[in-house]
Structures are given as C-alpha cells and as structure tokens.
C-alpha cells in the first residue's frame, strides 16, 4: 500500500518536472524529490530517501520567495526569469515540491512502521 503511494507521488513529481510550466531550478527539485521517493519505497534505502525528501522540502520552502526578492531589484535579474508570471510559477512549483516531499515522508514513515510490525510478528511467530 505504501509503496503504491510512493510510486504515485514519484510519478506526480516527474510529471510536474517534465510537463509543468515552472522556471529553471524548480524542475530539478522535482527530479531530486522523485529520486528520494523512489529510494524511500525500499527498506534498504529508506533512510537515504527520507533524508533526500526532507532536504528537498526544506530547500523548496527556502527558495519559494527568492524570485520575488530578486525580481524587485534591477541588480539580480539574471538569477531568475523575471518576466510574466515566472515568480508566481516559481513559488507555486516550490510549494508543490514541498507538499509532495512531505507526502513522501509520511508514506516512508508509514512503510517503516509496517515493516517493523511485520518483523515483530515474524519474531513472535518463531518464538511460539
């Protein structure tokens, strides 16, 4: 059940990265978060995947307002695309990345609990 959820979250992230109207650094955040979700689906890589998802969520929150600050001055207009709705799409994308990363973290935690319960049941069954 949790693995299916991780697959759905990862597919949404890849879909947003490939087909979303998000400016430059946001698709990269989606791809990194998708890699974290894929790793979090497997017990051996769950810790790495969770760390990757948490890092992407934190970075996304930190980056969400940067274009609004940089586009309000003439000095930093080369850093981000400041035309049209680019700052708005940037913020929308970073909020989506943070939300999907958080969902991946919750699913990873649920998988970890389910694995622990399964192992405990196996140990108790061997003891009887």
N, C-alpha and C. Protein backbone atom coordinates (compact mmCIF):
# COMPACT_ATOMS: atom_id res chain seq x y z
N UNK A 1 0.82 -1.20 0.00
CA UNK A 1 0.00 0.00 0.00
C UNK A 1 0.87 1.26 0.00
N UNK A 2 1.86 1.30 0.90
CA UNK A 2 2.71 2.48 0.99
C UNK A 2 3.59 2.62 -0.25
N UNK A 3 4.03 1.49 -0.78
CA UNK A 3 4.86 1.52 -1.98
C UNK A 3 4.09 2.10 -3.17
N UNK A 4 2.83 1.74 -3.26
CA UNK A 4 1.98 2.29 -4.32
C UNK A 4 1.87 3.80 -4.17
N UNK A 5 1.71 4.26 -2.94
CA UNK A 5 1.65 5.69 -2.70
C UNK A 5 2.94 6.39 -3.09
N UNK A 6 4.08 5.76 -2.79
CA UNK A 6 5.36 6.34 -3.17
C UNK A 6 5.49 6.41 -4.70
N UNK A 7 5.00 5.40 -5.38
CA UNK A 7 5.05 5.41 -6.85
C UNK A 7 4.19 6.54 -7.40
N UNK A 8 3.01 6.74 -6.82
CA UNK A 8 2.13 7.82 -7.28
C UNK A 8 2.77 9.18 -7.02
N UNK A 9 3.33 9.37 -5.83
CA UNK A 9 3.98 10.64 -5.50
C UNK A 9 5.17 10.88 -6.44
N UNK A 10 5.98 9.84 -6.67
CA UNK A 10 7.11 9.97 -7.58
C UNK A 10 6.67 10.29 -9.01
N UNK A 11 5.59 9.66 -9.46
CA UNK A 11 5.08 9.93 -10.81
C UNK A 11 4.57 11.37 -10.92
N UNK A 12 3.90 11.84 -9.89
CA UNK A 12 3.44 13.23 -9.89
C UNK A 12 4.62 14.20 -9.96
N UNK A 13 5.67 13.88 -9.21
CA UNK A 13 6.86 14.74 -9.23
C UNK A 13 7.51 14.76 -10.60
N UNK A 14 7.67 13.60 -11.20
CA UNK A 14 8.27 13.55 -12.54
C UNK A 14 7.39 14.24 -13.57
N UNK A 15 6.08 14.06 -13.44
CA UNK A 15 5.16 14.74 -14.36
C UNK A 15 5.25 16.25 -14.24
N UNK A 16 5.35 16.74 -13.02
CA UNK A 16 5.50 18.19 -12.83
C UNK A 16 6.83 18.67 -13.39
N UNK A 17 7.88 17.88 -13.22
CA UNK A 17 9.20 18.28 -13.73
C UNK A 17 9.20 18.33 -15.25
N UNK A 18 8.56 17.36 -15.89
CA UNK A 18 8.60 17.27 -17.35
C UNK A 18 7.60 18.19 -18.04
N UNK A 19 6.41 18.30 -17.48
CA UNK A 19 5.34 18.99 -18.19
C UNK A 19 4.86 20.27 -17.52
N UNK A 20 5.38 20.59 -16.35
CA UNK A 20 4.94 21.78 -15.64
C UNK A 20 5.54 23.05 -16.21
N UNK A 21 4.86 24.18 -16.03
CA UNK A 21 5.36 25.46 -16.56
C UNK A 21 6.29 26.18 -15.58
N UNK A 22 7.10 25.43 -14.86
CA UNK A 22 7.90 26.00 -13.80
C UNK A 22 9.26 26.47 -14.32
N UNK A 23 9.76 27.62 -13.81
CA UNK A 23 11.06 28.11 -14.26
C UNK A 23 12.23 27.28 -13.74
N UNK A 24 13.40 27.67 -14.11
CA UNK A 24 14.65 26.91 -14.03
C UNK A 24 14.91 26.00 -12.83
N UNK A 25 15.07 26.41 -11.62
CA UNK A 25 15.52 25.42 -10.63
C UNK A 25 14.43 24.49 -10.13
N UNK A 26 13.17 24.81 -10.37
CA UNK A 26 12.07 24.03 -9.81
C UNK A 26 11.98 22.61 -10.40
N UNK A 27 12.10 22.40 -11.71
CA UNK A 27 12.08 21.03 -12.22
C UNK A 27 13.18 20.15 -11.64
N UNK A 28 14.33 20.73 -11.37
CA UNK A 28 15.42 19.98 -10.74
C UNK A 28 15.02 19.52 -9.34
N UNK A 29 14.34 20.37 -8.60
CA UNK A 29 13.86 19.98 -7.27
C UNK A 29 12.86 18.82 -7.37
N UNK A 30 11.99 18.88 -8.38
CA UNK A 30 11.03 17.78 -8.59
C UNK A 30 11.75 16.47 -8.87
N UNK A 31 12.78 16.51 -9.70
CA UNK A 31 13.52 15.29 -10.06
C UNK A 31 14.24 14.73 -8.83
N UNK A 32 14.89 15.59 -8.06
CA UNK A 32 15.59 15.13 -6.86
C UNK A 32 14.61 14.53 -5.86
N UNK A 33 13.45 15.16 -5.71
CA UNK A 33 12.44 14.62 -4.80
C UNK A 33 11.90 13.29 -5.30
N UNK A 34 11.77 13.13 -6.62
CA UNK A 34 11.30 11.85 -7.18
C UNK A 34 12.31 10.74 -6.89
N UNK A 35 13.60 11.07 -6.98
CA UNK A 35 14.64 10.08 -6.64
C UNK A 35 14.53 9.71 -5.16
N UNK A 36 14.28 10.70 -4.31
CA UNK A 36 14.09 10.42 -2.89
C UNK A 36 12.87 9.55 -2.63
N UNK A 37 11.78 9.80 -3.34
CA UNK A 37 10.58 8.98 -3.18
C UNK A 37 10.82 7.55 -3.65
N UNK A 38 11.56 7.41 -4.74
CA UNK A 38 11.87 6.06 -5.23
C UNK A 38 12.74 5.31 -4.23
N UNK A 39 13.71 5.99 -3.64
CA UNK A 39 14.56 5.34 -2.64
C UNK A 39 13.80 5.02 -1.37
N UNK A 40 12.87 5.89 -0.99
CA UNK A 40 12.11 5.67 0.24
C UNK A 40 11.14 4.50 0.13
N UNK A 41 10.90 4.03 -1.07
CA UNK A 41 9.99 2.90 -1.26
C UNK A 41 10.63 1.57 -0.88
N UNK A 42 11.95 1.52 -0.77
CA UNK A 42 12.65 0.28 -0.48
C UNK A 42 13.27 0.33 0.92
N UNK A 43 13.11 -0.72 1.69
CA UNK A 43 13.60 -0.70 3.08
C UNK A 43 15.09 -0.40 3.22
N UNK A 44 15.91 -0.90 2.32
CA UNK A 44 17.34 -0.70 2.43
C UNK A 44 17.73 0.77 2.22
N UNK A 45 17.01 1.47 1.38
CA UNK A 45 17.34 2.85 1.04
C UNK A 45 16.40 3.87 1.68
N UNK A 46 15.54 3.44 2.59
CA UNK A 46 14.52 4.31 3.16
C UNK A 46 15.11 5.52 3.88
N UNK A 47 16.19 5.33 4.62
CA UNK A 47 16.78 6.44 5.36
C UNK A 47 17.34 7.49 4.41
N UNK A 48 18.04 7.06 3.37
CA UNK A 48 18.57 7.99 2.38
C UNK A 48 17.44 8.71 1.66
N UNK A 49 16.42 7.98 1.27
CA UNK A 49 15.29 8.59 0.57
C UNK A 49 14.57 9.61 1.43
N UNK A 50 14.39 9.27 2.71
CA UNK A 50 13.73 10.22 3.62
C UNK A 50 14.58 11.48 3.80
N UNK A 51 15.89 11.30 3.92
CA UNK A 51 16.78 12.46 4.06
C UNK A 51 16.72 13.33 2.81
N UNK A 52 16.68 12.71 1.66
CA UNK A 52 16.60 13.45 0.41
C UNK A 52 15.27 14.21 0.32
N UNK A 53 14.18 13.56 0.68
CA UNK A 53 12.87 14.21 0.65
C UNK A 53 12.82 15.38 1.63
N UNK A 54 13.36 15.18 2.83
CA UNK A 54 13.37 16.26 3.82
C UNK A 54 14.22 17.44 3.36
N UNK A 55 15.36 17.15 2.75
CA UNK A 55 16.21 18.22 2.24
C UNK A 55 15.56 19.00 1.12
N UNK A 56 14.88 18.31 0.24
CA UNK A 56 14.19 18.98 -0.86
C UNK A 56 13.04 19.83 -0.32
N UNK A 57 12.31 19.31 0.67
CA UNK A 57 11.22 20.09 1.25
C UNK A 57 11.74 21.36 1.90
N UNK A 58 12.83 21.26 2.65
CA UNK A 58 13.41 22.44 3.30
C UNK A 58 13.95 23.43 2.28
N UNK A 59 14.63 22.93 1.25
CA UNK A 59 15.16 23.81 0.22
C UNK A 59 14.04 24.50 -0.56
N UNK A 60 12.96 23.79 -0.80
CA UNK A 60 11.84 24.37 -1.53
C UNK A 60 11.20 25.50 -0.75
N UNK A 61 11.04 25.31 0.53
CA UNK A 61 10.46 26.37 1.36
C UNK A 61 11.40 27.58 1.36
N UNK A 62 12.70 27.32 1.46
CA UNK A 62 13.66 28.42 1.44
C UNK A 62 13.72 29.16 0.12
N UNK A 63 13.51 28.45 -0.98
CA UNK A 63 13.60 29.07 -2.31
C UNK A 63 12.30 29.69 -2.79
N UNK A 64 11.21 29.49 -2.07
CA UNK A 64 9.91 29.92 -2.60
C UNK A 64 9.79 31.42 -2.81
N UNK A 65 10.40 32.21 -1.96
CA UNK A 65 10.22 33.66 -2.11
C UNK A 65 11.39 34.34 -2.81
N UNK A 66 12.43 33.62 -3.16
CA UNK A 66 13.63 34.23 -3.74
C UNK A 66 13.34 35.02 -5.02
N UNK A 67 12.56 34.52 -5.97
CA UNK A 67 12.33 35.32 -7.19
C UNK A 67 11.61 36.64 -6.92
N UNK A 68 10.74 36.67 -5.92
CA UNK A 68 10.05 37.92 -5.64
C UNK A 68 11.04 38.97 -5.13
N UNK A 69 12.02 38.52 -4.35
CA UNK A 69 13.03 39.45 -3.85
C UNK A 69 13.98 39.86 -4.96
N UNK A 70 14.46 38.88 -5.73
CA UNK A 70 15.44 39.19 -6.77
C UNK A 70 14.81 39.97 -7.92
N UNK A 71 13.57 39.71 -8.23
CA UNK A 71 12.93 40.43 -9.34
C UNK A 71 12.52 41.84 -8.94
N UNK A 72 12.53 42.16 -7.65
CA UNK A 72 12.15 43.51 -7.23
C UNK A 72 13.32 44.47 -7.32
N UNK A 73 14.52 43.97 -7.57
CA UNK A 73 15.68 44.84 -7.76
C UNK A 73 16.24 44.61 -9.15
N UNK A 74 16.86 45.63 -9.69
CA UNK A 74 17.42 45.51 -11.04
C UNK A 74 18.76 44.81 -11.05
N UNK A 75 19.38 44.68 -9.89
CA UNK A 75 20.72 44.12 -9.79
C UNK A 75 20.75 42.61 -10.04
N UNK A 76 19.72 41.87 -9.62
CA UNK A 76 19.75 40.41 -9.66
C UNK A 76 18.81 39.80 -10.69
N UNK A 77 18.47 40.49 -11.73
CA UNK A 77 17.50 39.95 -12.70
C UNK A 77 18.06 38.80 -13.52
N UNK A 78 19.37 38.56 -13.48
CA UNK A 78 19.95 37.45 -14.23
C UNK A 78 19.81 36.12 -13.50
N UNK A 79 19.50 36.14 -12.22
CA UNK A 79 19.44 34.92 -11.42
C UNK A 79 18.20 34.11 -11.77
N UNK A 80 17.05 34.74 -11.82
CA UNK A 80 15.80 34.07 -12.14
C UNK A 80 15.12 34.80 -13.29
N UNK A 81 14.26 34.09 -13.97
CA UNK A 81 13.46 34.71 -15.02
C UNK A 81 12.45 35.63 -14.36
N UNK A 82 12.47 36.89 -14.71
CA UNK A 82 11.60 37.86 -14.05
C UNK A 82 10.52 38.39 -14.99
N UNK A 83 10.20 37.69 -16.04
CA UNK A 83 9.19 38.14 -16.97
C UNK A 83 7.88 37.43 -16.73
N UNK A 84 6.81 38.10 -16.99
CA UNK A 84 5.48 37.50 -16.90
C UNK A 84 5.17 36.93 -15.52
N UNK A 85 4.66 35.70 -15.50
CA UNK A 85 4.29 35.06 -14.24
C UNK A 85 5.36 34.14 -13.69
N UNK A 86 6.62 34.31 -14.12
CA UNK A 86 7.68 33.40 -13.69
C UNK A 86 7.84 33.34 -12.17
N UNK A 87 7.86 34.49 -11.46
CA UNK A 87 7.98 34.37 -10.00
C UNK A 87 6.81 33.63 -9.36
N UNK A 88 5.62 33.83 -9.88
CA UNK A 88 4.45 33.14 -9.34
C UNK A 88 4.54 31.65 -9.61
N UNK A 89 4.95 31.25 -10.82
CA UNK A 89 5.10 29.83 -11.13
C UNK A 89 6.22 29.22 -10.32
N UNK A 90 7.26 30.00 -10.05
CA UNK A 90 8.36 29.50 -9.23
C UNK A 90 7.85 29.19 -7.82
N UNK A 91 7.10 30.11 -7.24
CA UNK A 91 6.57 29.88 -5.89
C UNK A 91 5.58 28.72 -5.89
N UNK A 92 4.73 28.64 -6.88
CA UNK A 92 3.77 27.53 -6.97
C UNK A 92 4.51 26.20 -7.06
N UNK A 93 5.54 26.13 -7.88
CA UNK A 93 6.30 24.89 -8.02
C UNK A 93 7.01 24.49 -6.75
N UNK A 94 7.62 25.46 -6.06
CA UNK A 94 8.33 25.11 -4.83
C UNK A 94 7.38 24.66 -3.73
N UNK A 95 6.20 25.25 -3.69
CA UNK A 95 5.20 24.81 -2.70
C UNK A 95 4.72 23.40 -3.04
N UNK A 96 4.52 23.11 -4.33
CA UNK A 96 4.14 21.76 -4.74
C UNK A 96 5.23 20.74 -4.41
N UNK A 97 6.49 21.09 -4.65
CA UNK A 97 7.59 20.18 -4.33
C UNK A 97 7.62 19.92 -2.83
N UNK A 98 7.47 20.97 -2.03
CA UNK A 98 7.49 20.79 -0.58
C UNK A 98 6.33 19.91 -0.11
N UNK A 99 5.15 20.12 -0.67
CA UNK A 99 3.99 19.31 -0.29
C UNK A 99 4.13 17.85 -0.69
N UNK A 100 4.58 17.61 -1.91
CA UNK A 100 4.76 16.23 -2.36
C UNK A 100 5.90 15.54 -1.61
N UNK A 101 6.94 16.29 -1.28
CA UNK A 101 8.03 15.72 -0.47
C UNK A 101 7.53 15.35 0.92
N UNK A 102 6.70 16.20 1.49
CA UNK A 102 6.11 15.89 2.79
C UNK A 102 5.23 14.66 2.73
N UNK A 103 4.47 14.52 1.65
CA UNK A 103 3.65 13.32 1.48
C UNK A 103 4.53 12.08 1.36
N UNK A 104 5.63 12.20 0.63
CA UNK A 104 6.57 11.09 0.53
C UNK A 104 7.18 10.72 1.87
N UNK A 105 7.46 11.73 2.70
CA UNK A 105 7.99 11.46 4.04
C UNK A 105 6.98 10.73 4.91
N UNK A 106 5.72 11.13 4.83
CA UNK A 106 4.67 10.46 5.60
C UNK A 106 4.53 9.01 5.15
N UNK A 107 4.55 8.78 3.85
CA UNK A 107 4.45 7.41 3.34
C UNK A 107 5.66 6.58 3.73
N UNK A 108 6.83 7.20 3.76
CA UNK A 108 8.04 6.49 4.20
C UNK A 108 7.93 6.08 5.66
N UNK A 109 7.42 6.96 6.47
CA UNK A 109 7.24 6.66 7.90
C UNK A 109 6.21 5.54 8.09
N UNK A 110 5.15 5.58 7.32
CA UNK A 110 4.14 4.52 7.40
C UNK A 110 4.73 3.18 6.97
N UNK A 111 5.57 3.20 5.93
CA UNK A 111 6.22 1.96 5.49
C UNK A 111 7.15 1.43 6.55
N UNK A 112 7.87 2.32 7.20
CA UNK A 112 8.79 1.91 8.25
C UNK A 112 8.03 1.25 9.40
N UNK A 113 6.90 1.82 9.77
CA UNK A 113 6.08 1.23 10.84
C UNK A 113 5.53 -0.13 10.44
N UNK A 114 5.07 -0.23 9.20
CA UNK A 114 4.53 -1.50 8.72
C UNK A 114 5.61 -2.58 8.68
N UNK A 115 6.82 -2.22 8.25
CA UNK A 115 7.93 -3.18 8.23
C UNK A 115 8.30 -3.63 9.64
N UNK A 116 8.30 -2.70 10.56
CA UNK A 116 8.62 -3.04 11.94
C UNK A 116 7.57 -3.97 12.54
N UNK A 117 6.30 -3.70 12.28
CA UNK A 117 5.23 -4.59 12.76
C UNK A 117 5.35 -5.97 12.15
N UNK A 118 5.67 -6.03 10.86
CA UNK A 118 5.82 -7.32 10.19
C UNK A 118 6.97 -8.13 10.79
N UNK A 119 8.10 -7.47 11.04
CA UNK A 119 9.24 -8.17 11.65
C UNK A 119 8.93 -8.64 13.05
N UNK A 120 8.23 -7.83 13.81
CA UNK A 120 7.85 -8.21 15.17
C UNK A 120 6.92 -9.42 15.16
N UNK A 121 5.97 -9.44 14.23
CA UNK A 121 5.08 -10.59 14.11
C UNK A 121 5.86 -11.86 13.73
N UNK A 122 6.85 -11.73 12.87
CA UNK A 122 7.67 -12.89 12.49
C UNK A 122 8.46 -13.40 13.69
N UNK A 123 9.01 -12.51 14.45
CA UNK A 123 9.76 -12.92 15.64
C UNK A 123 8.88 -13.61 16.67
N UNK A 124 7.70 -13.06 16.86
CA UNK A 124 6.77 -13.68 17.80
C UNK A 124 6.28 -15.04 17.31
N UNK A 125 6.09 -15.19 16.00
CA UNK A 125 5.67 -16.47 15.44
C UNK A 125 6.78 -17.52 15.59
N UNK A 126 8.02 -17.12 15.46
CA UNK A 126 9.14 -18.07 15.63
C UNK A 126 9.28 -18.48 17.09
N UNK A 127 8.93 -17.62 17.97
CA UNK A 127 9.09 -17.91 19.39
C UNK A 127 8.05 -18.92 19.88
N UNK A 128 6.92 -18.97 19.26
CA UNK A 128 5.85 -19.87 19.69
C UNK A 128 6.11 -21.27 19.28
